[in-house]
Amino acid sequence: MEDTETLIIKKAIKVGLPTVLLLGLATCSFATIDSGHRGVLRTMGAVEKESLSEGFHFKLPIVQDIQEMDVRL
């Protein structure tokens, strides 16, 4: 029989690790394009046809990347 300290540590790992991973993926799922810029969305390295305007955008973590381009004169 395991002691209570070991059980608490195992439970913390079972709950904490997935929570940290999900929060990490959630924070990588959003991008903000600043004013005066446009975003170029790349999916697995391939450039998408339309650019992203200024503002808040969703992207798939790991699969998609957004490159900001300055369009000011």
N, C-alpha and C. Protein backbone atom coordinates (compact mmCIF):
# COMPACT_ATOMS: atom_id res chain seq x y z
N MET A 1 0.83 -1.17 0.00
CA MET A 1 0.00 0.00 0.00
C MET A 1 0.88 1.25 0.00
N GLU A 2 0.55 2.17 -0.88
CA GLU A 2 1.35 3.39 -1.00
C GLU A 2 0.95 4.40 0.06
N ASP A 3 1.92 5.22 0.43
CA ASP A 3 1.60 6.25 1.42
C ASP A 3 0.84 7.40 0.76
N THR A 4 0.21 8.21 1.57
CA THR A 4 -0.66 9.27 1.06
C THR A 4 0.11 10.33 0.29
N GLU A 5 1.37 10.56 0.64
CA GLU A 5 2.17 11.57 -0.07
C GLU A 5 2.40 11.16 -1.51
N THR A 6 2.68 9.88 -1.74
CA THR A 6 2.89 9.37 -3.10
C THR A 6 1.60 9.46 -3.91
N LEU A 7 0.48 9.14 -3.29
CA LEU A 7 -0.81 9.22 -3.98
C LEU A 7 -1.15 10.66 -4.36
N ILE A 8 -0.85 11.60 -3.49
CA ILE A 8 -1.11 13.01 -3.78
C ILE A 8 -0.24 13.48 -4.94
N ILE A 9 1.01 13.06 -4.96
CA ILE A 9 1.92 13.44 -6.06
C ILE A 9 1.44 12.86 -7.38
N LYS A 10 1.03 11.60 -7.38
CA LYS A 10 0.54 10.97 -8.60
C LYS A 10 -0.72 11.66 -9.12
N LYS A 11 -1.62 12.01 -8.21
CA LYS A 11 -2.86 12.70 -8.61
C LYS A 11 -2.54 14.09 -9.16
N ALA A 12 -1.60 14.78 -8.53
CA ALA A 12 -1.21 16.11 -9.02
C ALA A 12 -0.62 16.02 -10.42
N ILE A 13 0.15 14.99 -10.69
CA ILE A 13 0.73 14.82 -12.02
C ILE A 13 -0.36 14.48 -13.03
N LYS A 14 -1.30 13.60 -12.66
CA LYS A 14 -2.39 13.22 -13.57
C LYS A 14 -3.28 14.40 -13.94
N VAL A 15 -3.49 15.31 -13.01
CA VAL A 15 -4.35 16.46 -13.26
C VAL A 15 -3.54 17.64 -13.79
N GLY A 16 -2.37 17.88 -13.23
CA GLY A 16 -1.58 19.06 -13.56
C GLY A 16 -0.96 19.03 -14.94
N LEU A 17 -0.39 17.90 -15.33
CA LEU A 17 0.29 17.81 -16.63
C LEU A 17 -0.66 18.05 -17.81
N PRO A 18 -1.80 17.37 -17.87
CA PRO A 18 -2.73 17.67 -18.97
C PRO A 18 -3.23 19.11 -18.96
N THR A 19 -3.44 19.66 -17.77
CA THR A 19 -3.90 21.05 -17.66
C THR A 19 -2.87 22.01 -18.23
N VAL A 20 -1.62 21.81 -17.89
CA VAL A 20 -0.55 22.67 -18.40
C VAL A 20 -0.43 22.53 -19.91
N LEU A 21 -0.52 21.32 -20.43
CA LEU A 21 -0.44 21.11 -21.88
C LEU A 21 -1.61 21.77 -22.61
N LEU A 22 -2.81 21.65 -22.08
CA LEU A 22 -3.97 22.28 -22.71
C LEU A 22 -3.87 23.80 -22.68
N LEU A 23 -3.41 24.36 -21.58
CA LEU A 23 -3.23 25.81 -21.50
C LEU A 23 -2.16 26.28 -22.48
N GLY A 24 -1.11 25.51 -22.63
CA GLY A 24 -0.07 25.85 -23.59
C GLY A 24 -0.59 25.85 -25.02
N LEU A 25 -1.36 24.83 -25.38
CA LEU A 25 -1.95 24.79 -26.72
C LEU A 25 -2.95 25.93 -26.93
N ALA A 26 -3.72 26.25 -25.91
CA ALA A 26 -4.70 27.32 -26.03
C ALA A 26 -4.02 28.67 -26.26
N THR A 27 -2.93 28.93 -25.57
CA THR A 27 -2.25 30.21 -25.76
C THR A 27 -1.55 30.30 -27.11
N CYS A 28 -1.21 29.17 -27.70
CA CYS A 28 -0.58 29.16 -29.02
C CYS A 28 -1.61 29.19 -30.14
N SER A 29 -2.89 29.19 -29.82
CA SER A 29 -3.95 29.14 -30.82
C SER A 29 -4.40 30.50 -31.30
N PHE A 30 -3.88 31.58 -30.73
CA PHE A 30 -4.33 32.91 -31.07
C PHE A 30 -3.16 33.79 -31.47
N ALA A 31 -3.44 34.73 -32.38
CA ALA A 31 -2.43 35.69 -32.81
C ALA A 31 -3.08 37.05 -32.97
N THR A 32 -2.31 38.09 -32.73
CA THR A 32 -2.79 39.46 -32.89
C THR A 32 -1.94 40.14 -33.95
N ILE A 33 -2.61 40.70 -34.95
CA ILE A 33 -1.93 41.45 -36.00
C ILE A 33 -2.04 42.93 -35.64
N ASP A 34 -0.92 43.60 -35.53
CA ASP A 34 -0.90 45.02 -35.17
C ASP A 34 -1.40 45.89 -36.31
N SER A 35 -1.81 47.12 -35.97
CA SER A 35 -2.25 48.05 -37.02
C SER A 35 -1.06 48.41 -37.90
N GLY A 36 -1.35 48.59 -39.18
CA GLY A 36 -0.29 48.87 -40.15
C GLY A 36 0.42 47.61 -40.62
N HIS A 37 -0.08 46.46 -40.25
CA HIS A 37 0.52 45.19 -40.65
C HIS A 37 -0.55 44.29 -41.26
N ARG A 38 -0.11 43.30 -41.98
CA ARG A 38 -0.97 42.23 -42.49
C ARG A 38 -0.31 40.93 -42.07
N GLY A 39 -1.12 39.91 -41.93
CA GLY A 39 -0.60 38.60 -41.55
C GLY A 39 -0.66 37.65 -42.73
N VAL A 40 0.42 36.90 -42.91
CA VAL A 40 0.47 35.86 -43.93
C VAL A 40 0.36 34.53 -43.20
N LEU A 41 -0.74 33.83 -43.45
CA LEU A 41 -1.00 32.56 -42.78
C LEU A 41 -0.36 31.44 -43.58
N ARG A 42 0.45 30.65 -42.91
CA ARG A 42 1.09 29.49 -43.53
C ARG A 42 0.59 28.23 -42.84
N THR A 43 0.13 27.29 -43.64
CA THR A 43 -0.30 26.00 -43.11
C THR A 43 0.70 24.95 -43.57
N MET A 44 1.44 24.41 -42.62
CA MET A 44 2.51 23.44 -42.89
C MET A 44 3.47 23.97 -43.95
N GLY A 45 3.76 25.27 -43.89
CA GLY A 45 4.71 25.90 -44.79
C GLY A 45 4.11 26.46 -46.06
N ALA A 46 2.91 26.05 -46.42
CA ALA A 46 2.26 26.53 -47.64
C ALA A 46 1.50 27.82 -47.32
N VAL A 47 1.71 28.85 -48.14
CA VAL A 47 1.07 30.15 -47.93
C VAL A 47 -0.38 30.08 -48.36
N GLU A 48 -1.28 30.58 -47.51
CA GLU A 48 -2.70 30.64 -47.84
C GLU A 48 -2.95 31.81 -48.80
N LYS A 49 -4.04 31.76 -49.56
CA LYS A 49 -4.32 32.76 -50.59
C LYS A 49 -4.61 34.15 -50.04
N GLU A 50 -5.35 34.24 -48.94
CA GLU A 50 -5.75 35.55 -48.42
C GLU A 50 -4.91 35.94 -47.21
N SER A 51 -4.65 37.25 -47.10
CA SER A 51 -3.90 37.75 -45.95
C SER A 51 -4.85 38.03 -44.80
N LEU A 52 -4.29 38.13 -43.62
CA LEU A 52 -5.08 38.43 -42.42
C LEU A 52 -4.99 39.92 -42.13
N SER A 53 -6.13 40.53 -41.85
CA SER A 53 -6.15 41.95 -41.52
C SER A 53 -5.76 42.16 -40.06
N GLU A 54 -5.72 43.42 -39.67
CA GLU A 54 -5.38 43.75 -38.29
C GLU A 54 -6.41 43.15 -37.34
N GLY A 55 -5.96 42.76 -36.18
CA GLY A 55 -6.88 42.26 -35.17
C GLY A 55 -6.47 40.92 -34.61
N PHE A 56 -7.44 40.26 -34.02
CA PHE A 56 -7.27 39.02 -33.28
C PHE A 56 -7.68 37.86 -34.18
N HIS A 57 -6.83 36.84 -34.31
CA HIS A 57 -7.10 35.71 -35.21
C HIS A 57 -6.81 34.38 -34.53
N PHE A 58 -7.54 33.36 -34.95
CA PHE A 58 -7.35 32.00 -34.48
C PHE A 58 -6.47 31.24 -35.46
N LYS A 59 -5.59 30.39 -34.94
CA LYS A 59 -4.78 29.53 -35.80
C LYS A 59 -4.63 28.17 -35.12
N LEU A 60 -4.35 27.17 -35.91
CA LEU A 60 -4.12 25.83 -35.37
C LEU A 60 -2.69 25.74 -34.85
N PRO A 61 -2.52 25.44 -33.58
CA PRO A 61 -1.15 25.37 -33.04
C PRO A 61 -0.35 24.28 -33.74
N ILE A 62 0.93 24.52 -33.91
CA ILE A 62 1.90 23.63 -34.51
C ILE A 62 1.72 23.54 -36.03
N VAL A 63 0.48 23.45 -36.52
CA VAL A 63 0.21 23.28 -37.95
C VAL A 63 0.31 24.60 -38.71
N GLN A 64 -0.18 25.68 -38.11
CA GLN A 64 -0.22 26.97 -38.78
C GLN A 64 0.70 27.98 -38.10
N ASP A 65 1.19 28.91 -38.93
CA ASP A 65 2.08 29.97 -38.45
C ASP A 65 1.66 31.27 -39.14
N ILE A 66 1.78 32.38 -38.43
CA ILE A 66 1.42 33.67 -39.00
C ILE A 66 2.67 34.54 -39.02
N GLN A 67 2.99 35.04 -40.19
CA GLN A 67 4.11 35.97 -40.38
C GLN A 67 3.55 37.37 -40.58
N GLU A 68 3.95 38.32 -39.74
CA GLU A 68 3.46 39.69 -39.87
C GLU A 68 4.31 40.46 -40.87
N MET A 69 3.64 41.22 -41.75
CA MET A 69 4.32 42.04 -42.75
C MET A 69 3.89 43.49 -42.56
N ASP A 70 4.86 44.40 -42.57
CA ASP A 70 4.59 45.82 -42.44
C ASP A 70 4.11 46.37 -43.78
N VAL A 71 2.94 47.03 -43.80
CA VAL A 71 2.39 47.56 -45.04
C VAL A 71 2.29 49.09 -45.00
N ARG A 72 2.94 49.72 -44.03
CA ARG A 72 2.92 51.18 -43.93
C ARG A 72 3.91 51.79 -44.93
N LEU A 73 3.61 52.99 -45.36
CA LEU A 73 4.51 53.70 -46.28
C LEU A 73 5.53 54.53 -45.54
